[in-house]
Amino acid sequence: MGHCFTKYQNDGDDSNHNVEFAGGNVHLITAKEQWEEKTSEASRNGKIVVANFSASWCGPCRMIAPFYCELSEKHPSLMFLTVDVDELTELSSSWDIKATPTFFFLKDGQQVDKLVGANKPELQKKDEKLPFVDRYPSRRGTSDEQVVEKANLQGLERMNRQFYRA
């Protein structure tokens, strides 16, 4: 896989607001069609999408970018996307982005979770929970908590059956 890094581009402007978030398994989304293509691909392949809506001028976005790349390498069963809110304003507006970074977690194109802010522990916690939830088929109208609770109950039932067999 690629290396995780934040690359500064020099387009003649000496400010450091031109940042490209790249590396790992993160796909940089530069067009609405690309967004639709990647989210459709994820749905077809049963992958959960982790979408990072960020901005090149945003300090917290730049701070969390390398960690986001690391997570993308750690969780290849998920699809990681980055959208620059200034480049794709219409797409960002359709997701009602009020602050950057904002992370959406999507299954079959539907939001299953959301995180606003560059909170590394919370992002890691959510990412680690998602592969577990991903093992179960999509249940429209069922919250992640209900899916996890049902999985826990099924596990307890299995343990109970094994205990009484012995």
Protein backbone atom coordinates (compact mmCIF):
# COMPACT_ATOMS: atom_id res chain seq x y z
CA MET A 1 0.00 0.00 0.00
CA GLY A 2 1.03 3.64 -0.21
CA HIS A 3 2.59 5.78 2.44
CA CYS A 4 0.48 8.14 4.49
CA PHE A 5 1.45 11.75 4.14
CA THR A 6 0.18 15.26 3.67
CA LYS A 7 1.73 16.85 0.62
CA TYR A 8 2.02 20.58 0.20
CA GLN A 9 1.61 21.81 -3.36
CA ASN A 10 3.33 24.92 -4.60
CA ASP A 11 1.33 26.75 -7.23
CA GLY A 12 3.23 29.99 -6.86
CA ASP A 13 1.31 30.88 -3.72
CA ASP A 14 3.64 30.89 -0.69
CA SER A 15 0.85 30.23 1.80
CA ASN A 16 0.43 26.69 3.05
CA HIS A 17 -3.30 26.41 2.39
CA ASN A 18 -2.84 24.12 -0.61
CA VAL A 19 -2.71 20.70 0.96
CA GLU A 20 -3.40 17.37 -0.71
CA PHE A 21 -4.56 14.61 1.63
CA ALA A 22 -3.13 11.47 0.04
CA GLY A 23 -1.74 8.05 0.72
CA GLY A 24 -2.79 4.76 2.20
CA ASN A 25 -6.12 3.50 0.89
CA VAL A 26 -7.69 6.97 0.87
CA HIS A 27 -9.38 8.00 -2.38
CA LEU A 28 -9.34 11.76 -2.99
CA ILE A 29 -12.71 12.71 -4.48
CA THR A 30 -12.45 15.55 -6.98
CA ALA A 31 -15.79 15.31 -8.80
CA LYS A 32 -19.38 14.42 -7.89
CA GLU A 33 -19.31 11.63 -10.49
CA GLN A 34 -16.29 10.13 -8.75
CA TRP A 35 -18.18 10.26 -5.42
CA GLU A 36 -21.13 8.43 -6.98
CA GLU A 37 -18.82 5.88 -8.61
CA LYS A 38 -16.94 5.10 -5.37
CA THR A 39 -20.04 4.94 -3.16
CA SER A 40 -21.75 2.65 -5.71
CA GLU A 41 -18.64 0.46 -5.87
CA ALA A 42 -18.65 0.21 -2.08
CA SER A 43 -22.33 -0.78 -2.04
CA ARG A 44 -21.77 -3.45 -4.71
CA ASN A 45 -18.82 -4.87 -2.76
CA GLY A 46 -20.56 -4.68 0.64
CA LYS A 47 -18.06 -2.14 1.98
CA ILE A 48 -18.74 0.60 4.47
CA VAL A 49 -17.60 4.06 3.34
CA VAL A 50 -15.76 6.39 5.68
CA ALA A 51 -16.05 9.85 4.10
CA ASN A 52 -13.88 12.68 5.38
CA PHE A 53 -15.21 16.13 4.44
CA SER A 54 -12.28 18.46 5.03
CA ALA A 55 -10.58 21.62 3.79
CA SER A 56 -6.98 22.25 2.80
CA TRP A 57 -6.81 25.37 4.99
CA CYS A 58 -8.19 23.58 8.08
CA GLY A 59 -5.55 22.92 10.76
CA PRO A 60 -7.46 20.10 12.48
CA CYS A 61 -8.05 18.48 9.04
CA ARG A 62 -4.32 18.54 8.31
CA MET A 63 -3.59 17.20 11.79
CA ILE A 64 -5.90 14.18 11.43
CA ALA A 65 -5.06 13.39 7.77
CA PRO A 66 -2.05 11.12 8.52
CA PHE A 67 -4.07 9.25 11.18
CA TYR A 68 -6.95 8.85 8.70
CA CYS A 69 -4.47 7.35 6.21
CA GLU A 70 -3.19 4.94 8.85
CA LEU A 71 -6.75 3.84 9.59
CA SER A 72 -7.31 3.24 5.87
CA GLU A 73 -4.36 0.85 5.83
CA LYS A 74 -5.44 -0.84 9.05
CA HIS A 75 -9.02 -1.41 7.79
CA PRO A 76 -8.83 -2.41 4.09
CA SER A 77 -12.37 -3.83 4.28
CA LEU A 78 -13.65 -0.23 4.50
CA MET A 79 -13.53 2.38 1.72
CA PHE A 80 -11.97 5.69 2.79
CA LEU A 81 -12.84 8.84 0.84
CA THR A 82 -11.73 12.44 1.29
CA VAL A 83 -13.76 15.35 -0.07
CA ASP A 84 -12.45 18.93 -0.09
CA VAL A 85 -15.47 21.06 0.87
CA ASP A 86 -14.12 24.03 -1.08
CA GLU A 87 -13.63 22.00 -4.27
CA LEU A 88 -16.99 20.22 -4.13
CA THR A 89 -19.25 22.78 -2.50
CA GLU A 90 -22.49 21.37 -3.93
CA LEU A 91 -21.75 17.85 -2.71
CA SER A 92 -20.66 19.19 0.69
CA SER A 93 -23.83 21.27 0.98
CA SER A 94 -25.96 18.23 0.19
CA TRP A 95 -24.41 16.52 3.25
CA ASP A 96 -25.04 19.65 5.37
CA ILE A 97 -21.39 20.12 6.37
CA LYS A 98 -21.20 22.76 9.12
CA ALA A 99 -17.62 22.13 10.33
CA THR A 100 -14.45 20.45 9.13
CA PRO A 101 -13.45 17.77 9.41
CA THR A 102 -16.74 15.88 9.37
CA PHE A 103 -16.67 12.12 8.95
CA PHE A 104 -19.65 10.17 7.64
CA PHE A 105 -19.93 6.41 7.84
CA LEU A 106 -22.13 5.01 5.07
CA LYS A 107 -23.52 1.56 4.34
CA ASP A 108 -25.35 1.08 1.05
CA GLY A 109 -25.23 4.86 0.59
CA GLN A 110 -27.04 5.51 3.87
CA GLN A 111 -25.51 7.25 6.87
CA VAL A 112 -24.95 4.86 9.80
CA ASP A 113 -22.79 7.19 11.89
CA LYS A 114 -21.17 10.62 11.93
CA LEU A 115 -18.29 12.34 13.70
CA VAL A 116 -17.64 16.08 13.68
CA GLY A 117 -14.15 17.24 14.57
CA ALA A 118 -10.60 15.88 14.60
CA ASN A 119 -11.13 13.53 17.54
CA LYS A 120 -8.59 10.71 17.00
CA PRO A 121 -9.79 8.38 19.81
CA GLU A 122 -13.42 8.65 18.73
CA LEU A 123 -12.57 8.16 15.04
CA GLN A 124 -10.53 5.07 15.88
CA LYS A 125 -13.34 3.73 18.09
CA LYS A 126 -15.90 4.17 15.31
CA ASP A 127 -13.60 2.60 12.70
CA GLU A 128 -12.98 -0.43 14.89
CA LYS A 129 -16.72 -0.87 15.46
CA LEU A 130 -17.56 -0.73 11.75
CA PRO A 131 -15.87 -3.92 10.53
CA PHE A 132 -17.86 -5.80 13.20
CA VAL A 133 -21.14 -4.27 12.04
CA ASP A 134 -20.12 -4.94 8.42
CA ARG A 135 -20.31 -8.71 9.00
CA TYR A 136 -24.08 -8.45 9.17
CA PRO A 137 -26.30 -7.74 6.16
CA SER A 138 -27.70 -4.25 5.82
CA ARG A 139 -30.80 -3.73 7.91
CA ARG A 140 -32.57 -0.60 6.80
CA GLY A 141 -34.28 1.10 9.72
CA THR A 142 -32.11 -0.74 12.27
CA SER A 143 -29.55 1.24 14.23
CA ASP A 144 -25.96 0.06 14.68
CA GLU A 145 -26.65 -0.33 18.40
CA GLN A 146 -29.54 -2.71 17.64
CA VAL A 147 -27.32 -4.74 15.28
CA VAL A 148 -24.56 -4.96 17.89
CA GLU A 149 -27.07 -5.81 20.63
CA LYS A 150 -28.55 -8.60 18.50
CA ALA A 151 -25.05 -9.94 17.76
CA ASN A 152 -24.25 -9.91 21.48
CA LEU A 153 -27.50 -11.78 22.24
CA GLN A 154 -26.71 -14.34 19.55
CA GLY A 155 -23.27 -14.84 21.10
CA LEU A 156 -24.80 -15.31 24.55
CA GLU A 157 -27.29 -17.81 23.14
CA ARG A 158 -24.44 -19.80 21.55
CA MET A 159 -22.49 -19.78 24.82
CA ASN A 160 -25.62 -20.86 26.69
CA ARG A 161 -26.21 -23.79 24.28
CA GLN A 162 -22.57 -24.88 24.61
CA PHE A 163 -22.75 -24.69 28.41
CA TYR A 164 -25.88 -26.85 28.63
CA ARG A 165 -24.47 -29.42 26.17
CA ALA A 166 -21.44 -30.03 28.39
